[in-house]
Amino acid sequence: MSSLNTCFRYGRTVLFLLLFGYSCFYLGTLSVHSGRTNVTIVREDNEQGDPAKSVTDFWAKFFVSESPKFKAVLEVKEPVKGPVLPETESEESHTSNVPCLNNEEFVKENEKRLNWIQQECPNTVRTKLSEIKEMFYFPKSDLGWCPVYKAASSNVFAHFCSDYFDEETCQNKHIKMKDYEGGFRSLDDFREKDPPPESEQRFLVVRDPFTRLLSAYRNKVELLSHTTAYTEFFMDTLMHYRPIRWITNFDKRDKAFKAINYAQSMTEGRNQRKPEPDNPYLYPPYPTFKEIVYAVIAGRRDNHVIPASQRCGPCGSTHYDYLLKAETFDCDIKNMFELTGNSRLLTNTERWATNQTPVLNQTMFYSYYSTLTSDQLDDLLNLYQDDCLLFQYPCQKHVDNIRKFKSLNPDFKHEYRNTWSGRVGDWDTIS
């Protein structure tokens, strides 16, 4: 009996050792295959409360990832919450999804727009003293146009192209450039004569000045298009408006040039060694929106930011027959062409838009403008007050909503991103 008990006791010990050894071998195999020491686990059953709640468990590596009760994931992130937007009605400057007017409705709307300008001209601050800066005349269409750049100007050129150039040429967006020997701007035939033809009808395309200014920044600065023309301006802007507190003895112009040159090299698809990390102008390597606004307020009068009312003088001696808006450009120009007997120009649908940045939406609009100070917003209102008045844009509402956005999102910070797919470099996001 004693011998039987001893045998049974030893048998249980041997069995335990065998099971323990097998378990160690099996678990060791799993550990080798997993290659991880810590895995985040999400319970899929309801035994531990909320199934969406994640827990980190060292022993999770010992469980099979396909287990019906557990699912191994590398990381569980909270959904990214966007900034809170002000509660406003849909603003015209942010949308073009407006039903097209028919010819009769457009005639009435156009008349209202022109009458409003004449009514409000006595109330303008600067516009009544301005005259047109540039007027194109297209003889085959008998139409005259004062270009407001960053207000569908490239697409206006595109529509008229088919009257003067072949299809292949019209698909080349650079035909509109001044330095192109066959371009519109370099041909005397497209300069309005003095006096202008009696039969000429003039039109003007305008845009919300706040979205136009931001579009100019995103295209000319952030995308670094026309880099050689703006290099000196960018360098001066960086040196004057980017505060440098921790360095007092260094060549600012040299540092600014290296940063701008680095950004240009990425735009052109050229790899270039990144400047030294202590370069204070490297993040981002071009002026920020806030810095450009400082320059504009200080008197920078680039064709892409000068108020349309000052550039094209609607309150001066210039008479306009049609006032089109960039927000409803396709519909407006279609109606104008049909009413003036130029429907053939609608067949040229090749767009010349050069802005390759993501389409502007309200979140992006508020994000950029949230970087400005309260004084800058007031100064922009003052600069563009005549445009806002004459062309009926809700500029004061923009400023109110920007301030509301900043109060709703006190910790929000705009990020400058590498938004052009053709760029190379190691900065995708720069705070």
Protein backbone atom coordinates (compact mmCIF):
# COMPACT_ATOMS: atom_id res chain seq x y z
CA MET A 1 0.00 0.00 0.00
CA SER A 2 2.86 2.31 0.98
CA SER A 3 4.62 1.47 -2.30
CA LEU A 4 1.44 2.33 -4.27
CA ASN A 5 1.10 5.73 -2.58
CA THR A 6 4.74 6.53 -3.30
CA CYS A 7 4.31 5.62 -6.96
CA PHE A 8 1.18 7.74 -7.26
CA ARG A 9 2.91 10.73 -5.64
CA TYR A 10 5.90 10.51 -7.98
CA GLY A 11 3.60 10.04 -10.93
CA ARG A 12 1.78 13.29 -10.21
CA THR A 13 5.10 15.10 -9.92
CA VAL A 14 6.35 13.75 -13.25
CA LEU A 15 3.05 14.65 -14.94
CA PHE A 16 3.24 18.18 -13.53
CA LEU A 17 6.80 18.60 -14.77
CA LEU A 18 5.86 17.35 -18.24
CA LEU A 19 2.93 19.75 -18.47
CA PHE A 20 5.03 22.61 -17.17
CA GLY A 21 7.79 21.92 -19.69
CA TYR A 22 5.34 21.73 -22.56
CA SER A 23 3.74 25.00 -21.51
CA CYS A 24 7.10 26.76 -21.33
CA PHE A 25 8.06 25.47 -24.79
CA TYR A 26 4.73 26.53 -26.31
CA LEU A 27 4.80 29.98 -24.74
CA GLY A 28 8.40 30.49 -25.77
CA THR A 29 7.47 29.72 -29.38
CA LEU A 30 4.69 32.32 -29.28
CA SER A 31 7.06 34.89 -27.84
CA VAL A 32 9.57 34.37 -30.64
CA HIS A 33 6.92 34.71 -33.34
CA SER A 34 5.31 37.76 -31.80
CA GLY A 35 8.59 39.66 -31.42
CA ARG A 36 6.83 42.12 -29.10
CA THR A 37 6.94 42.55 -25.36
CA ASN A 38 3.97 44.85 -24.95
CA VAL A 39 0.78 44.90 -26.98
CA THR A 40 -2.32 47.00 -26.59
CA ILE A 41 -5.40 44.82 -26.24
CA VAL A 42 -9.02 45.63 -26.92
CA ARG A 43 -11.58 43.33 -25.28
CA GLU A 44 -14.23 42.28 -27.73
CA ASP A 45 -16.63 40.76 -25.23
CA ASN A 46 -18.67 42.46 -22.55
CA GLU A 47 -17.11 40.66 -19.60
CA GLN A 48 -14.96 43.65 -18.58
CA GLY A 49 -17.40 46.48 -19.24
CA ASP A 50 -16.99 48.83 -22.20
CA PRO A 51 -15.71 46.76 -25.19
CA ALA A 52 -14.11 49.85 -26.74
CA LYS A 53 -11.88 50.49 -23.75
CA SER A 54 -8.26 49.48 -24.37
CA VAL A 55 -5.96 47.96 -21.77
CA THR A 56 -2.24 47.28 -21.89
CA ASP A 57 -1.38 43.81 -20.62
CA PHE A 58 2.13 42.36 -20.49
CA TRP A 59 0.67 38.89 -20.72
CA ALA A 60 -1.22 39.74 -23.86
CA LYS A 61 1.71 38.43 -25.90
CA PHE A 62 0.85 34.96 -24.71
CA PHE A 63 -2.59 35.03 -26.27
CA VAL A 64 -3.32 34.16 -29.86
CA SER A 65 -4.19 37.39 -31.69
CA GLU A 66 -7.08 35.72 -33.50
CA SER A 67 -8.70 34.72 -30.21
CA PRO A 68 -12.43 35.48 -30.22
CA LYS A 69 -12.07 37.35 -26.93
CA PHE A 70 -9.02 39.46 -27.67
CA LYS A 71 -7.66 41.43 -30.60
CA ALA A 72 -4.07 42.65 -30.63
CA VAL A 73 -3.50 46.10 -32.12
CA LEU A 74 -0.36 48.15 -32.34
CA GLU A 75 -1.99 51.36 -31.22
CA VAL A 76 -5.42 52.64 -30.33
CA LYS A 77 -5.76 56.36 -30.98
CA GLU A 78 -8.51 58.67 -29.96
CA PRO A 79 -10.35 60.14 -32.96
CA VAL A 80 -8.72 63.38 -34.02
CA LYS A 81 -11.07 66.19 -33.12
CA GLY A 82 -11.06 69.24 -35.33
CA PRO A 83 -11.42 72.77 -34.06
CA VAL A 84 -14.85 74.10 -33.14
CA LEU A 85 -16.23 76.35 -35.89
CA PRO A 86 -18.39 79.39 -35.20
CA GLU A 87 -22.09 78.80 -35.76
CA THR A 88 -22.77 80.88 -38.83
CA GLU A 89 -24.89 80.74 -41.91
CA SER A 90 -23.21 79.52 -45.08
CA GLU A 91 -20.99 82.32 -46.37
CA GLU A 92 -20.87 83.18 -50.03
CA SER A 93 -17.10 83.48 -50.10
CA HIS A 94 -16.64 79.86 -49.03
CA THR A 95 -18.92 78.15 -51.50
CA SER A 96 -19.68 78.14 -55.18
CA ASN A 97 -22.52 75.63 -54.97
CA VAL A 98 -25.10 78.22 -56.00
CA PRO A 99 -27.67 77.39 -58.70
CA CYS A 100 -26.93 79.18 -61.96
CA LEU A 101 -29.15 82.10 -62.88
CA ASN A 102 -30.71 82.12 -66.32
CA ASN A 103 -30.03 85.04 -68.66
CA GLU A 104 -33.03 87.05 -67.49
CA GLU A 105 -32.22 86.56 -63.81
CA PHE A 106 -28.57 87.39 -64.40
CA VAL A 107 -29.44 90.66 -66.15
CA LYS A 108 -31.43 91.74 -63.10
CA GLU A 109 -28.72 90.63 -60.67
CA ASN A 110 -26.00 92.35 -62.70
CA GLU A 111 -28.02 95.57 -62.79
CA LYS A 112 -28.43 95.42 -59.00
CA ARG A 113 -24.68 94.96 -58.53
CA LEU A 114 -23.79 97.90 -60.80
CA ASN A 115 -26.43 100.20 -59.31
CA TRP A 116 -25.19 99.39 -55.81
CA ILE A 117 -21.66 100.45 -56.79
CA GLN A 118 -22.86 103.81 -58.11
CA GLN A 119 -24.97 104.31 -55.00
CA GLU A 120 -22.10 103.59 -52.60
CA CYS A 121 -19.23 105.26 -54.45
CA PRO A 122 -19.67 108.53 -52.49
CA ASN A 123 -19.17 106.52 -49.27
CA THR A 124 -15.83 104.99 -50.23
CA VAL A 125 -12.55 106.08 -48.67
CA ARG A 126 -9.99 105.58 -51.44
CA THR A 127 -11.80 104.22 -54.50
CA LYS A 128 -13.21 107.50 -55.80
CA LEU A 129 -9.66 108.71 -56.38
CA SER A 130 -8.48 105.60 -58.25
CA GLU A 131 -8.36 104.86 -61.96
CA ILE A 132 -7.80 101.64 -63.91
CA LYS A 133 -4.27 100.27 -63.82
CA GLU A 134 -4.60 97.82 -66.72
CA MET A 135 -7.29 97.12 -69.29
CA PHE A 136 -7.32 94.33 -71.86
CA TYR A 137 -9.43 94.49 -74.98
CA PHE A 138 -10.36 91.38 -76.96
CA PRO A 139 -11.38 92.64 -80.42
CA LYS A 140 -13.00 89.42 -81.65
CA SER A 141 -15.36 89.50 -78.68
CA ASP A 142 -15.57 93.30 -78.36
CA LEU A 143 -15.06 92.91 -74.62
CA GLY A 144 -12.79 94.86 -72.29
CA TRP A 145 -11.54 93.49 -68.96
CA CYS A 146 -9.63 94.94 -66.03
CA PRO A 147 -7.83 91.95 -64.45
CA VAL A 148 -8.00 91.48 -60.68
CA TYR A 149 -5.36 88.85 -60.03
CA LYS A 150 -6.37 85.95 -57.75
CA ALA A 151 -9.96 86.55 -58.83
CA ALA A 152 -10.28 83.91 -61.59
CA SER A 153 -7.90 85.89 -63.84
CA SER A 154 -6.17 82.80 -65.24
CA ASN A 155 -9.49 81.29 -66.21
CA VAL A 156 -10.63 84.49 -67.90
CA PHE A 157 -7.53 84.30 -70.10
CA ALA A 158 -8.26 80.63 -70.76
CA HIS A 159 -11.75 81.35 -72.10
CA PHE A 160 -10.51 83.94 -74.61
CA CYS A 161 -7.54 81.89 -75.73
CA SER A 162 -9.36 79.85 -78.39
CA ASP A 163 -10.10 83.02 -80.38
CA TYR A 164 -6.42 83.70 -80.95
CA PHE A 165 -4.41 80.50 -80.47
CA ASP A 166 -4.64 76.85 -81.42
CA GLU A 167 -5.82 74.18 -78.98
CA GLU A 168 -2.34 72.95 -78.10
CA THR A 169 -1.19 76.45 -77.23
CA CYS A 170 -4.31 77.13 -75.18
CA GLN A 171 -3.62 74.11 -73.02
CA ASN A 172 -0.31 75.68 -72.00
CA LYS A 173 -1.09 77.74 -68.91
CA HIS A 174 2.14 79.73 -69.35
CA ILE A 175 0.66 81.46 -72.42
CA LYS A 176 -0.70 84.06 -70.02
CA MET A 177 2.68 85.03 -68.60
CA LYS A 178 4.25 88.38 -69.45
CA ASP A 179 7.60 86.87 -70.35
CA TYR A 180 6.03 84.51 -72.88
CA GLU A 181 6.60 86.11 -76.29
CA GLY A 182 3.25 84.91 -77.62
CA GLY A 183 1.25 85.57 -74.49
CA PHE A 184 -1.75 87.83 -74.08
CA ARG A 185 0.03 90.43 -72.02
CA SER A 186 2.86 90.92 -74.49
CA LEU A 187 0.65 91.55 -77.55
CA ASP A 188 -0.28 95.16 -78.26
CA ASP A 189 -3.47 93.95 -79.92
CA PHE A 190 -4.85 93.16 -76.49
CA ARG A 191 -4.17 96.58 -75.02
CA GLU A 192 -7.20 98.80 -74.91
CA LYS A 193 -6.83 101.74 -77.27
CA ASP A 194 -7.40 105.36 -76.29
CA PRO A 195 -10.16 106.19 -76.87
CA PRO A 196 -11.71 102.73 -76.58
CA PRO A 197 -14.08 101.43 -79.30
CA GLU A 198 -17.62 102.72 -78.87
CA SER A 199 -19.05 99.21 -79.11
CA GLU A 200 -16.76 97.80 -76.40
CA GLN A 201 -18.42 96.34 -73.32
CA ARG A 202 -16.31 96.11 -70.18
CA PHE A 203 -16.48 93.58 -67.40
CA LEU A 204 -14.85 93.12 -64.02
CA VAL A 205 -14.40 89.95 -61.93
CA VAL A 206 -14.11 90.47 -58.17
CA ARG A 207 -13.59 88.20 -55.18
CA ASP A 208 -14.05 88.32 -51.43
CA PRO A 209 -10.90 90.23 -50.35
CA PHE A 210 -10.23 87.96 -47.35
CA THR A 211 -10.29 84.75 -49.40
CA ARG A 212 -8.40 86.49 -52.23
CA LEU A 213 -5.60 87.52 -49.85
CA LEU A 214 -5.36 84.00 -48.44
CA SER A 215 -5.40 82.50 -51.94
CA ALA A 216 -2.51 84.78 -52.93
CA TYR A 217 -0.55 83.63 -49.89
CA ARG A 218 -1.15 79.93 -50.45
CA ASN A 219 -0.28 80.13 -54.14
CA LYS A 220 2.55 82.64 -54.31
CA VAL A 221 4.17 82.10 -50.92
CA GLU A 222 3.30 78.64 -49.61
CA LEU A 223 3.64 77.03 -53.03
CA LEU A 224 6.58 79.29 -53.89
CA SER A 225 5.38 79.82 -57.46
CA HIS A 226 7.30 82.53 -59.37
CA THR A 227 10.12 82.05 -56.89
CA THR A 228 12.72 84.29 -58.55
CA ALA A 229 10.32 87.23 -58.67
CA TYR A 230 9.59 87.01 -54.94
CA THR A 231 12.93 85.94 -53.47
CA GLU A 232 13.98 89.43 -52.35
CA PHE A 233 10.53 90.17 -50.97
CA PHE A 234 10.47 86.91 -49.00
CA MET A 235 13.93 87.58 -47.58
CA ASP A 236 13.00 91.13 -46.53
CA THR A 237 9.76 89.88 -44.96
CA LEU A 238 11.56 87.21 -42.94
CA MET A 239 14.17 89.65 -41.71
CA HIS A 240 11.70 92.37 -40.76
CA TYR A 241 8.79 90.41 -39.32
CA ARG A 242 10.13 87.16 -37.88
CA PRO A 243 11.31 87.95 -34.35
CA ILE A 244 14.77 86.62 -33.48
CA ARG A 245 15.48 86.91 -29.77
CA TRP A 246 18.10 84.28 -29.01
CA ILE A 247 20.66 85.25 -31.65
CA THR A 248 22.09 88.75 -31.86
CA ASN A 249 25.23 88.44 -33.95
CA PHE A 250 24.69 86.74 -37.30
CA ASP A 251 24.07 87.58 -40.95
CA LYS A 252 20.28 87.75 -41.24
CA ARG A 253 20.27 88.11 -45.02
CA ASP A 254 22.49 85.07 -45.47
CA LYS A 255 20.29 82.95 -43.19
CA ALA A 256 17.10 84.13 -44.90
CA PHE A 257 18.54 83.45 -48.37
CA LYS A 258 19.58 79.91 -47.40
CA ALA A 259 16.10 79.14 -46.04
CA ILE A 260 14.29 80.50 -49.12
CA ASN A 261 16.73 78.76 -51.47
CA TYR A 262 16.15 75.49 -49.63
CA ALA A 263 12.37 75.85 -50.03
CA GLN A 264 12.74 76.73 -53.70
CA SER A 265 14.90 73.68 -54.33
CA MET A 266 12.12 71.47 -52.98
CA THR A 267 9.53 73.21 -55.15
CA GLU A 268 11.65 72.61 -58.23
CA GLY A 269 12.21 68.97 -57.28
CA ARG A 270 15.90 69.49 -56.50
CA ASN A 271 17.43 67.82 -53.49
CA GLN A 272 19.51 70.21 -51.49
CA ARG A 273 21.27 69.87 -48.20
CA LYS A 274 19.16 71.26 -45.39
CA PRO A 275 20.62 74.41 -43.80
CA GLU A 276 21.99 74.27 -40.28
CA PRO A 277 19.24 73.57 -37.72
CA ASP A 278 19.85 76.81 -35.84
CA ASN A 279 18.74 78.84 -38.86
CA PRO A 280 15.81 80.81 -37.38
CA TYR A 281 14.18 81.24 -40.79
CA LEU A 282 13.89 77.54 -41.52
CA TYR A 283 10.54 76.75 -39.87
CA PRO A 284 8.86 77.32 -42.23
CA PRO A 285 11.45 78.28 -44.85
CA TYR A 286 9.23 81.03 -46.26
CA PRO A 287 7.15 83.84 -44.70
CA THR A 288 4.15 82.82 -42.62
CA PHE A 289 0.69 84.21 -43.34
CA LYS A 290 1.02 86.54 -40.36
CA GLU A 291 4.33 87.88 -41.65
CA ILE A 292 2.93 88.50 -45.13
CA VAL A 293 -0.08 90.33 -43.66
CA TYR A 294 2.30 92.57 -41.74
CA ALA A 295 4.00 93.45 -45.04
CA VAL A 296 0.69 94.07 -46.83
CA ILE A 297 -0.56 96.34 -44.06
CA ALA A 298 2.77 98.19 -44.08
CA GLY A 299 2.27 99.08 -47.74
CA ARG A 300 3.22 96.09 -49.91
CA ARG A 301 1.13 96.65 -53.07
CA ASP A 302 1.51 93.50 -55.09
CA ASN A 303 -1.02 93.05 -57.92
CA HIS A 304 -2.35 89.96 -56.17
CA VAL A 305 -3.30 91.78 -52.96
CA ILE A 306 -4.09 95.36 -53.95
CA PRO A 307 -7.82 96.09 -53.44
CA ALA A 308 -9.81 95.49 -56.63
CA SER A 309 -11.62 98.80 -56.16
CA GLN A 310 -8.30 100.67 -56.27
CA ARG A 311 -6.89 98.68 -59.16
CA CYS A 312 -9.86 98.94 -61.51
CA GLY A 313 -11.49 102.22 -60.47
CA PRO A 314 -15.23 101.41 -60.63
CA CYS A 315 -15.97 104.77 -59.03
CA GLY A 316 -13.77 106.77 -61.39
CA SER A 317 -14.32 107.50 -65.07
CA THR A 318 -14.39 103.79 -65.98
CA HIS A 319 -17.78 102.39 -66.86
CA TYR A 320 -18.43 98.66 -66.48
CA ASP A 321 -21.26 96.76 -68.16
CA TYR A 322 -20.87 93.52 -66.23
CA LEU A 323 -19.75 92.75 -62.70
CA LEU A 324 -18.88 89.06 -62.27
CA LYS A 325 -17.95 87.34 -59.03
CA ALA A 326 -15.30 84.66 -58.61
CA GLU A 327 -17.62 82.78 -56.24
CA THR A 328 -20.11 82.27 -59.10
CA PHE A 329 -17.63 82.65 -61.94
CA ASP A 330 -18.72 79.77 -64.20
CA CYS A 331 -22.36 80.83 -64.12
CA ASP A 332 -21.65 84.55 -64.47
CA ILE A 333 -19.27 84.29 -67.42
CA LYS A 334 -21.60 81.85 -69.17
CA ASN A 335 -24.43 84.37 -68.94
CA MET A 336 -22.21 87.24 -70.07
CA PHE A 337 -20.93 85.31 -73.09
CA GLU A 338 -24.45 84.33 -74.09
CA LEU A 339 -25.74 87.88 -73.73
CA THR A 340 -22.87 89.35 -75.77
CA GLY A 341 -22.96 86.75 -78.56
CA ASN A 342 -19.75 85.00 -77.49
CA SER A 343 -21.09 81.55 -76.58
CA ARG A 344 -18.33 79.96 -78.65
CA LEU A 345 -15.85 80.87 -75.89
CA LEU A 346 -17.57 78.48 -73.52
CA THR A 347 -16.08 75.55 -75.43
CA ASN A 348 -12.65 76.33 -74.01
CA THR A 349 -12.90 74.46 -70.72
CA GLU A 350 -9.17 74.02 -70.12
CA ARG A 351 -8.53 75.59 -66.72
CA TRP A 352 -5.36 77.49 -66.00
CA ALA A 353 -5.63 77.52 -62.24
CA THR A 354 -2.11 77.43 -60.84
CA ASN A 355 -3.01 76.91 -57.18
CA GLN A 356 -2.21 73.26 -56.43
CA THR A 357 -2.92 73.52 -52.71
CA PRO A 358 -5.91 71.69 -51.20
CA VAL A 359 -9.25 73.39 -51.81
CA LEU A 360 -9.93 76.05 -49.21
CA ASN A 361 -12.66 75.23 -46.71
CA GLN A 362 -13.95 77.05 -43.65
CA THR A 363 -11.69 75.19 -41.23
CA MET A 364 -8.61 76.12 -43.26
CA PHE A 365 -9.83 79.71 -43.63
CA TYR A 366 -10.17 80.14 -39.88
CA SER A 367 -6.94 78.25 -39.23
CA TYR A 368 -4.82 80.68 -41.24
CA TYR A 369 -6.61 83.79 -40.01
CA SER A 370 -6.40 82.65 -36.39
CA THR A 371 -2.67 83.35 -36.57
CA LEU A 372 -3.32 87.10 -36.95
CA THR A 373 -3.50 89.57 -34.11
CA SER A 374 -6.63 91.59 -33.37
CA ASP A 375 -4.91 94.72 -34.68
CA GLN A 376 -4.03 92.97 -37.94
CA LEU A 377 -7.66 91.98 -38.46
CA ASP A 378 -8.75 95.58 -37.91
CA ASP A 379 -6.08 96.83 -40.31
CA LEU A 380 -7.25 94.40 -43.01
CA LEU A 381 -10.81 95.64 -42.56
CA ASN A 382 -9.54 99.16 -43.08
CA LEU A 383 -7.46 98.20 -46.13
CA TYR A 384 -10.26 96.36 -47.90
CA GLN A 385 -13.23 98.38 -46.67
CA ASP A 386 -14.04 99.77 -50.13
CA ASP A 387 -14.02 96.29 -51.71
CA CYS A 388 -16.26 95.02 -48.94
CA LEU A 389 -18.68 97.89 -49.41
CA LEU A 390 -18.85 98.12 -53.20
CA PHE A 391 -18.91 94.39 -53.95
CA GLN A 392 -21.05 93.45 -50.93
CA TYR A 393 -18.76 91.03 -49.13
CA PRO A 394 -19.29 90.25 -45.41
CA CYS A 395 -15.83 91.32 -44.23
CA GLN A 396 -16.95 92.45 -40.78
CA LYS A 397 -18.67 89.09 -40.33
CA HIS A 398 -15.41 87.35 -41.29
CA VAL A 399 -13.50 89.24 -38.62
CA ASP A 400 -16.18 88.58 -35.99
CA ASN A 401 -16.16 84.87 -36.80
CA ILE A 402 -12.36 84.69 -36.76
CA ARG A 403 -12.34 86.19 -33.29
CA LYS A 404 -15.07 83.79 -32.24
CA PHE A 405 -13.04 80.87 -33.64
CA LYS A 406 -10.03 81.96 -31.57
CA SER A 407 -12.11 82.18 -28.40
CA LEU A 408 -13.69 78.75 -29.04
CA ASN A 409 -10.28 77.17 -29.66
CA PRO A 410 -7.81 78.91 -27.30
CA ASP A 411 -5.20 76.13 -27.65
CA PHE A 412 -5.49 75.78 -31.43
CA LYS A 413 -2.27 76.25 -33.38
CA HIS A 414 -2.01 76.49 -37.15
CA GLU A 415 0.45 74.11 -38.81
CA TYR A 416 2.39 75.01 -41.94
CA ARG A 417 2.45 71.93 -44.13
CA ASN A 418 4.33 70.80 -47.18
CA THR A 419 1.17 70.98 -49.31
CA TRP A 420 2.67 70.63 -52.78
CA SER A 421 3.09 67.01 -53.86
CA GLY A 422 6.07 67.85 -56.05
CA ARG A 423 8.22 68.97 -53.18
CA VAL A 424 10.99 66.91 -51.70
CA GLY A 425 12.42 67.40 -48.26
CA ASP A 426 12.11 66.37 -44.67
CA TRP A 427 9.51 68.80 -43.33
CA ASP A 428 5.94 67.64 -43.82
CA THR A 429 4.51 69.50 -40.86
CA ILE A 430 5.99 72.58 -39.26
CA SER A 431 4.39 74.21 -36.24
